Amino acid sequence: MTESTLAVLKGTPDGLQKPGSVGVVAPGITIKVVDVETRQPLGPNQTGELCIKGPLIMKGYVGIDNKEVFDSEGFFPSGDIGYYDDDKYFFIVDRLKELIKYKGFQVAPAELEGLLLKHEAVRDAGVVGVYDKAAGEVPLAFVVTQPDKKVTEKKLQQYVAERLSNPKHLRGGVRFISEIPKNPSGKIIRRQLRKMAKEVRSKI
C-alpha cells in the first residue's frame, strides 16, 4: 500500500509464521478491523476492512479534504478485507472493491476460490459477481478442472452450499474454462472474468 510509505505489518522477532498470515502490527502502527457497512470495530476472527493509523501513513491527498480520506479517529481505510486471529496475526482475504454485494451481504471472491481449490477435481478457480435483479449480485465461478478429473456444475454448487453460508452459494453458476486469466505476479485479472461472465450470460 503506497499510502503507508513503509510496512505496517511485520514478521515476529522469533521468526514464527502462520500459514497465510501477513504478520503482526509493526511498532507505532495501530490497525482496526471494521464492518464494511456499519464501520463499527470488529473483534478477533471477524472479517472486515483493515483501517490503519500511525506516523508512516500519508498526511492526505492533494486537493481532497482529509475528512473524506480518514475516519473521525484518524484511521485510513486500506481497502483490504481481512481479519486478525486470537494471537494478533493478520490475514488478508480480499480487496474491498472486489467484494460481491448479495442482498446487502459482502461476499469475498477469494474465500470461494480457496474452497473450490480444495476440491479434488479443481486445478484453478476465479470468482466474480454478476448482476441479478433480485439480489444485486450473485457469485459466478470460473473453474479449470484437473486433467484426469471430471465434475459437474451442480456438484460444485452443492459442494460450496454444504460448506459456506447462504449468501456465498454459487447462484451465478459455474463455467468451465481452460485457464484463469492472471497477471505476471499471479493475481487473477477479474475485469477479464467479468467480461467473460457478461458474454456468457448474454447468451442465456
C-alpha atoms as a PDB file:
ATOM      1  CA  MET A   1       0.000   0.000   0.000  1.00  0.00           C
ATOM      2  CA  THR A   2       1.700   3.218  -1.171  1.00  0.00           C
ATOM      3  CA  GLU A   3      -0.199   5.369   1.345  1.00  0.00           C
ATOM      4  CA  SER A   4       1.732   3.751   4.204  1.00  0.00           C
ATOM      5  CA  THR A   5       5.195   4.594   2.728  1.00  0.00           C
ATOM      6  CA  LEU A   6       6.646   1.594   4.617  1.00  0.00           C
ATOM      7  CA  ALA A   7       5.383  -1.708   6.011  1.00  0.00           C
ATOM      8  CA  VAL A   8       2.581  -1.605   8.589  1.00  0.00           C
ATOM      9  CA  LEU A   9       2.761  -5.349   9.265  1.00  0.00           C
ATOM     10  CA  LYS A  10       5.861  -7.393  10.009  1.00  0.00           C
ATOM     11  CA  GLY A  11       7.142 -10.801  10.995  1.00  0.00           C
ATOM     12  CA  THR A  12       7.752 -11.683  14.642  1.00  0.00           C
ATOM     13  CA  PRO A  13      11.216 -11.458  16.276  1.00  0.00           C
ATOM     14  CA  ASP A  14      11.256 -15.201  16.901  1.00  0.00           C
ATOM     15  CA  GLY A  15      10.616 -15.840  13.226  1.00  0.00           C
ATOM     16  CA  LEU A  16       7.355 -17.674  13.833  1.00  0.00           C
ATOM     17  CA  GLN A  17       4.924 -17.571  10.933  1.00  0.00           C
ATOM     18  CA  LYS A  18       1.362 -18.719  10.410  1.00  0.00           C
ATOM     19  CA  PRO A  19       0.320 -20.093   7.027  1.00  0.00           C
ATOM     20  CA  GLY A  20      -1.499 -17.396   5.082  1.00  0.00           C
ATOM     21  CA  SER A  21      -0.733 -14.634   7.586  1.00  0.00           C
ATOM     22  CA  VAL A  22       0.803 -11.305   6.543  1.00  0.00           C
ATOM     23  CA  GLY A  23       2.285 -10.848  10.007  1.00  0.00           C
ATOM     24  CA  VAL A  24       1.656  -8.755  13.120  1.00  0.00           C
ATOM     25  CA  VAL A  25       1.316  -4.990  13.534  1.00  0.00           C
ATOM     26  CA  ALA A  26       4.582  -3.044  13.184  1.00  0.00           C
ATOM     27  CA  PRO A  27       5.756  -0.776  16.048  1.00  0.00           C
ATOM     28  CA  GLY A  28       3.994   2.591  16.150  1.00  0.00           C
ATOM     29  CA  ILE A  29       1.132   1.375  13.970  1.00  0.00           C
ATOM     30  CA  THR A  30      -2.467   0.764  15.033  1.00  0.00           C
ATOM     31  CA  ILE A  31      -4.814  -1.328  12.919  1.00  0.00           C
ATOM     32  CA  LYS A  32      -8.506  -1.888  13.469  1.00  0.00           C
ATOM     33  CA  VAL A  33     -10.899  -4.073  11.516  1.00  0.00           C
ATOM     34  CA  VAL A  34     -14.312  -2.533  10.871  1.00  0.00           C
ATOM     35  CA  ASP A  35     -17.593  -3.775   9.469  1.00  0.00           C
ATOM     36  CA  VAL A  36     -17.818  -2.735   5.818  1.00  0.00           C
ATOM     37  CA  GLU A  37     -21.374  -1.428   6.177  1.00  0.00           C
ATOM     38  CA  THR A  38     -21.672  -0.107   9.754  1.00  0.00           C
ATOM     39  CA  ARG A  39     -17.980   0.893  10.158  1.00  0.00           C
ATOM     40  CA  GLN A  40     -18.101  -0.484  13.709  1.00  0.00           C
ATOM     41  CA  PRO A  41     -14.927  -2.154  15.093  1.00  0.00           C
ATOM     42  CA  LEU A  42     -14.808  -5.953  14.934  1.00  0.00           C
ATOM     43  CA  GLY A  43     -13.106  -8.470  17.191  1.00  0.00           C
ATOM     44  CA  PRO A  44     -10.766 -11.394  16.509  1.00  0.00           C
ATOM     45  CA  ASN A  45     -11.613 -13.710  13.607  1.00  0.00           C
ATOM     46  CA  GLN A  46     -14.243 -11.327  12.225  1.00  0.00           C
ATOM     47  CA  THR A  47     -13.727 -10.223   8.646  1.00  0.00           C
ATOM     48  CA  GLY A  48     -13.904  -6.555   7.701  1.00  0.00           C
ATOM     49  CA  GLU A  49     -11.888  -3.676   6.253  1.00  0.00           C
ATOM     50  CA  LEU A  50      -8.446  -3.002   7.714  1.00  0.00           C
ATOM     51  CA  CYS A  51      -8.045   0.630   8.796  1.00  0.00           C
ATOM     52  CA  ILE A  52      -4.591   1.930   9.691  1.00  0.00           C
ATOM     53  CA  LYS A  53      -3.207   4.746  11.835  1.00  0.00           C
ATOM     54  CA  GLY A  54       0.377   5.777  12.568  1.00  0.00           C
ATOM     55  CA  PRO A  55       3.303   8.047  11.678  1.00  0.00           C
ATOM     56  CA  LEU A  56       4.071   6.121   8.489  1.00  0.00           C
ATOM     57  CA  ILE A  57       0.659   6.823   6.976  1.00  0.00           C
ATOM     58  CA  MET A  58       0.457   9.677   4.481  1.00  0.00           C
ATOM     59  CA  LYS A  59      -0.930  13.067   5.556  1.00  0.00           C
ATOM     60  CA  GLY A  60      -3.560  13.067   2.814  1.00  0.00           C
ATOM     61  CA  TYR A  61      -4.224  13.503  -0.900  1.00  0.00           C
ATOM     62  CA  VAL A  62      -3.597  16.791  -2.681  1.00  0.00           C
ATOM     63  CA  GLY A  63      -6.854  18.630  -3.324  1.00  0.00           C
ATOM     64  CA  ILE A  64      -9.003  16.261  -1.238  1.00  0.00           C
ATOM     65  CA  ASP A  65     -10.387  17.115   2.213  1.00  0.00           C
ATOM     66  CA  ASN A  66      -8.938  14.785   4.851  1.00  0.00           C
ATOM     67  CA  LYS A  67     -12.451  14.219   6.206  1.00  0.00           C
ATOM     68  CA  GLU A  68     -13.105  12.284   3.021  1.00  0.00           C
ATOM     69  CA  VAL A  69      -9.931  10.218   3.433  1.00  0.00           C
ATOM     70  CA  PHE A  70      -9.634   9.443   7.160  1.00  0.00           C
ATOM     71  CA  ASP A  71     -12.302   8.464   9.687  1.00  0.00           C
ATOM     72  CA  SER A  72     -13.130  10.514  12.801  1.00  0.00           C
ATOM     73  CA  GLU A  73     -10.313   8.810  14.734  1.00  0.00           C
ATOM     74  CA  GLY A  74      -7.711   9.432  12.054  1.00  0.00           C
ATOM     75  CA  PHE A  75      -7.647   5.889  10.638  1.00  0.00           C
ATOM     76  CA  PHE A  76      -7.016   5.391   6.931  1.00  0.00           C
ATOM     77  CA  PRO A  77      -9.247   2.778   5.211  1.00  0.00           C
ATOM     78  CA  SER A  78      -6.866   0.466   3.364  1.00  0.00           C
ATOM     79  CA  GLY A  79      -9.384  -1.164   1.045  1.00  0.00           C
ATOM     80  CA  ASP A  80      -8.081  -4.551   2.193  1.00  0.00           C
ATOM     81  CA  ILE A  81     -10.537  -7.075   3.586  1.00  0.00           C
ATOM     82  CA  GLY A  82      -9.142  -9.282   6.325  1.00  0.00           C
ATOM     83  CA  TYR A  83      -9.081 -10.223   9.981  1.00  0.00           C
ATOM     84  CA  TYR A  84      -6.746 -10.916  12.891  1.00  0.00           C
ATOM     85  CA  ASP A  85      -6.725 -14.064  14.995  1.00  0.00           C
ATOM     86  CA  ASP A  86      -6.502 -14.529  18.765  1.00  0.00           C
ATOM     87  CA  ASP A  87      -2.713 -14.183  18.567  1.00  0.00           C
ATOM     88  CA  LYS A  88      -2.965 -10.843  16.714  1.00  0.00           C
ATOM     89  CA  TYR A  89      -1.754 -12.283  13.409  1.00  0.00           C
ATOM     90  CA  PHE A  90      -3.384 -10.578  10.437  1.00  0.00           C
ATOM     91  CA  PHE A  91      -4.780 -12.255   7.335  1.00  0.00           C
ATOM     92  CA  ILE A  92      -5.803 -10.549   4.080  1.00  0.00           C
ATOM     93  CA  VAL A  93      -8.855 -12.095   2.442  1.00  0.00           C
ATOM     94  CA  ASP A  94      -9.588  -9.801  -0.498  1.00  0.00           C
ATOM     95  CA  ARG A  95      -9.882  -6.238  -1.735  1.00  0.00           C
ATOM     96  CA  LEU A  96     -12.958  -4.206  -0.838  1.00  0.00           C
ATOM     97  CA  LYS A  97     -13.598  -3.288  -4.466  1.00  0.00           C
ATOM     98  CA  GLU A  98     -13.703  -6.982  -5.390  1.00  0.00           C
ATOM     99  CA  LEU A  99     -16.451  -7.899  -2.914  1.00  0.00           C
ATOM    100  CA  ILE A 100     -19.688  -9.286  -4.310  1.00  0.00           C
ATOM    101  CA  LYS A 101     -22.764  -7.489  -2.949  1.00  0.00           C
ATOM    102  CA  TYR A 102     -25.501 -10.069  -2.425  1.00  0.00           C
ATOM    103  CA  LYS A 103     -28.669  -8.670  -0.782  1.00  0.00           C
ATOM    104  CA  GLY A 104     -26.625  -6.423   1.487  1.00  0.00           C
ATOM    105  CA  PHE A 105     -24.097  -9.132   2.333  1.00  0.00           C
ATOM    106  CA  GLN A 106     -20.445  -8.741   1.361  1.00  0.00           C
ATOM    107  CA  VAL A 107     -19.010 -11.890  -0.241  1.00  0.00           C
ATOM    108  CA  ALA A 108     -15.241 -12.220  -0.743  1.00  0.00           C
ATOM    109  CA  PRO A 109     -14.362 -13.993  -4.020  1.00  0.00           C
ATOM    110  CA  ALA A 110     -11.076 -15.226  -2.525  1.00  0.00           C
ATOM    111  CA  GLU A 111     -12.929 -17.246   0.111  1.00  0.00           C
ATOM    112  CA  LEU A 112     -14.941 -19.050  -2.550  1.00  0.00           C
ATOM    113  CA  GLU A 113     -11.840 -19.588  -4.670  1.00  0.00           C
ATOM    114  CA  GLY A 114      -9.959 -21.020  -1.706  1.00  0.00           C
ATOM    115  CA  LEU A 115     -12.730 -23.515  -1.044  1.00  0.00           C
ATOM    116  CA  LEU A 116     -13.038 -24.543  -4.694  1.00  0.00           C
ATOM    117  CA  LEU A 117      -9.286 -25.165  -4.888  1.00  0.00           C
ATOM    118  CA  LYS A 118      -9.658 -27.748  -2.128  1.00  0.00           C
ATOM    119  CA  HIS A 119     -11.915 -29.853  -4.340  1.00  0.00           C
ATOM    120  CA  GLU A 120     -10.036 -32.778  -5.841  1.00  0.00           C
ATOM    121  CA  ALA A 121     -11.302 -32.056  -9.358  1.00  0.00           C
ATOM    122  CA  VAL A 122     -10.400 -28.352  -9.388  1.00  0.00           C
ATOM    123  CA  ARG A 123      -6.995 -27.137 -10.575  1.00  0.00           C
ATOM    124  CA  ASP A 124      -7.760 -23.408 -10.577  1.00  0.00           C
ATOM    125  CA  ALA A 125     -10.705 -21.099  -9.960  1.00  0.00           C
ATOM    126  CA  GLY A 126     -11.774 -17.471 -10.224  1.00  0.00           C
ATOM    127  CA  VAL A 127     -14.979 -15.955  -8.844  1.00  0.00           C
ATOM    128  CA  VAL A 128     -16.760 -12.714  -9.764  1.00  0.00           C
ATOM    129  CA  GLY A 129     -20.127 -11.171  -9.075  1.00  0.00           C
ATOM    130  CA  VAL A 130     -22.708 -10.972 -11.844  1.00  0.00           C
ATOM    131  CA  TYR A 131     -25.808  -8.796 -11.938  1.00  0.00           C
ATOM    132  CA  ASP A 132     -29.016 -10.197 -10.504  1.00  0.00           C
ATOM    133  CA  LYS A 133     -32.247  -8.202 -10.471  1.00  0.00           C
ATOM    134  CA  ALA A 134     -33.436  -9.527  -7.114  1.00  0.00           C
ATOM    135  CA  ALA A 135     -30.152  -9.833  -5.218  1.00  0.00           C
ATOM    136  CA  GLY A 136     -27.940  -7.166  -6.774  1.00  0.00           C
ATOM    137  CA  GLU A 137     -25.098  -9.566  -7.494  1.00  0.00           C
ATOM    138  CA  VAL A 138     -24.573 -13.332  -7.261  1.00  0.00           C
ATOM    139  CA  PRO A 139     -21.290 -15.284  -7.314  1.00  0.00           C
ATOM    140  CA  LEU A 140     -20.239 -16.953 -10.559  1.00  0.00           C
ATOM    141  CA  ALA A 141     -17.248 -19.312 -10.592  1.00  0.00           C
ATOM    142  CA  PHE A 142     -14.897 -19.983 -13.481  1.00  0.00           C
ATOM    143  CA  VAL A 143     -13.191 -23.322 -12.963  1.00  0.00           C
ATOM    144  CA  VAL A 144     -10.276 -25.167 -14.528  1.00  0.00           C
ATOM    145  CA  THR A 145     -10.513 -28.885 -13.812  1.00  0.00           C
ATOM    146  CA  GLN A 146      -7.702 -31.330 -13.167  1.00  0.00           C
ATOM    147  CA  PRO A 147      -6.735 -33.185 -16.383  1.00  0.00           C
ATOM    148  CA  ASP A 148      -7.788 -36.565 -15.031  1.00  0.00           C
ATOM    149  CA  LYS A 149     -10.871 -35.464 -13.080  1.00  0.00           C
ATOM    150  CA  LYS A 150     -14.451 -34.658 -14.005  1.00  0.00           C
ATOM    151  CA  VAL A 151     -17.036 -32.689 -12.054  1.00  0.00           C
ATOM    152  CA  THR A 152     -20.346 -31.041 -12.928  1.00  0.00           C
ATOM    153  CA  GLU A 153     -21.623 -27.541 -12.275  1.00  0.00           C
ATOM    154  CA  LYS A 154     -24.286 -28.925  -9.950  1.00  0.00           C
ATOM    155  CA  LYS A 155     -21.734 -30.907  -7.932  1.00  0.00           C
ATOM    156  CA  LEU A 156     -19.568 -27.834  -7.340  1.00  0.00           C
ATOM    157  CA  GLN A 157     -22.571 -25.708  -6.412  1.00  0.00           C
ATOM    158  CA  GLN A 158     -23.586 -28.363  -3.899  1.00  0.00           C
ATOM    159  CA  TYR A 159     -20.006 -28.605  -2.591  1.00  0.00           C
ATOM    160  CA  VAL A 160     -19.973 -24.875  -1.827  1.00  0.00           C
ATOM    161  CA  ALA A 161     -23.529 -24.813  -0.447  1.00  0.00           C
ATOM    162  CA  GLU A 162     -22.667 -27.524   2.079  1.00  0.00           C
ATOM    163  CA  ARG A 163     -19.683 -25.582   3.418  1.00  0.00           C
ATOM    164  CA  LEU A 164     -20.475 -21.869   3.253  1.00  0.00           C
ATOM    165  CA  SER A 165     -23.336 -19.627   4.349  1.00  0.00           C
ATOM    166  CA  ASN A 166     -26.307 -18.908   2.083  1.00  0.00           C
ATOM    167  CA  PRO A 167     -25.086 -15.599   0.553  1.00  0.00           C
ATOM    168  CA  LYS A 168     -21.915 -17.344  -0.665  1.00  0.00           C
ATOM    169  CA  HIS A 169     -23.660 -20.025  -2.716  1.00  0.00           C
ATOM    170  CA  LEU A 170     -22.794 -20.108  -6.428  1.00  0.00           C
ATOM    171  CA  ARG A 171     -26.145 -18.817  -7.660  1.00  0.00           C
ATOM    172  CA  GLY A 172     -24.468 -17.372 -10.734  1.00  0.00           C
ATOM    173  CA  GLY A 173     -23.382 -20.853 -11.735  1.00  0.00           C
ATOM    174  CA  VAL A 174     -20.088 -22.480 -12.702  1.00  0.00           C
ATOM    175  CA  ARG A 175     -18.360 -22.146 -16.054  1.00  0.00           C
ATOM    176  CA  PHE A 176     -15.534 -24.454 -17.073  1.00  0.00           C
ATOM    177  CA  ILE A 177     -12.616 -22.862 -18.939  1.00  0.00           C
ATOM    178  CA  SER A 178      -9.088 -23.875 -19.906  1.00  0.00           C
ATOM    179  CA  GLU A 179      -7.229 -21.169 -17.986  1.00  0.00           C
ATOM    180  CA  ILE A 180      -7.881 -18.462 -15.388  1.00  0.00           C
ATOM    181  CA  PRO A 181      -6.549 -15.104 -16.675  1.00  0.00           C
ATOM    182  CA  LYS A 182      -3.767 -13.813 -14.417  1.00  0.00           C
ATOM    183  CA  ASN A 183      -1.152 -11.063 -14.486  1.00  0.00           C
ATOM    184  CA  PRO A 184       2.618 -11.773 -14.292  1.00  0.00           C
ATOM    185  CA  SER A 185       2.528 -11.754 -10.487  1.00  0.00           C
ATOM    186  CA  GLY A 186      -0.164 -14.434 -10.442  1.00  0.00           C
ATOM    187  CA  LYS A 187      -3.126 -12.260  -9.478  1.00  0.00           C
ATOM    188  CA  ILE A 188      -6.457 -13.003 -11.118  1.00  0.00           C
ATOM    189  CA  ILE A 189      -7.487 -10.437 -13.739  1.00  0.00           C
ATOM    190  CA  ARG A 190     -11.076 -10.095 -12.565  1.00  0.00           C
ATOM    191  CA  ARG A 191     -12.071  -7.497 -15.141  1.00  0.00           C
ATOM    192  CA  GLN A 192     -11.409 -10.122 -17.794  1.00  0.00           C
ATOM    193  CA  LEU A 193     -13.509 -12.656 -15.908  1.00  0.00           C
ATOM    194  CA  ARG A 194     -16.321 -10.100 -15.596  1.00  0.00           C
ATOM    195  CA  LYS A 195     -16.205  -9.535 -19.344  1.00  0.00           C
ATOM    196  CA  MET A 196     -16.369 -13.283 -19.910  1.00  0.00           C
ATOM    197  CA  ALA A 197     -19.273 -13.523 -17.467  1.00  0.00           C
ATOM    198  CA  LYS A 198     -21.248 -10.874 -19.345  1.00  0.00           C
ATOM    199  CA  GLU A 199     -20.663 -12.703 -22.609  1.00  0.00           C
ATOM    200  CA  VAL A 200     -21.825 -15.982 -21.078  1.00  0.00           C
ATOM    201  CA  ARG A 201     -24.976 -14.521 -19.534  1.00  0.00           C
ATOM    202  CA  SER A 202     -25.886 -12.618 -22.704  1.00  0.00           C
ATOM    203  CA  LYS A 203     -26.214 -15.970 -24.441  1.00  0.00           C
ATOM    204  CA  ILE A 204     -28.539 -17.422 -21.814  1.00  0.00           C
END
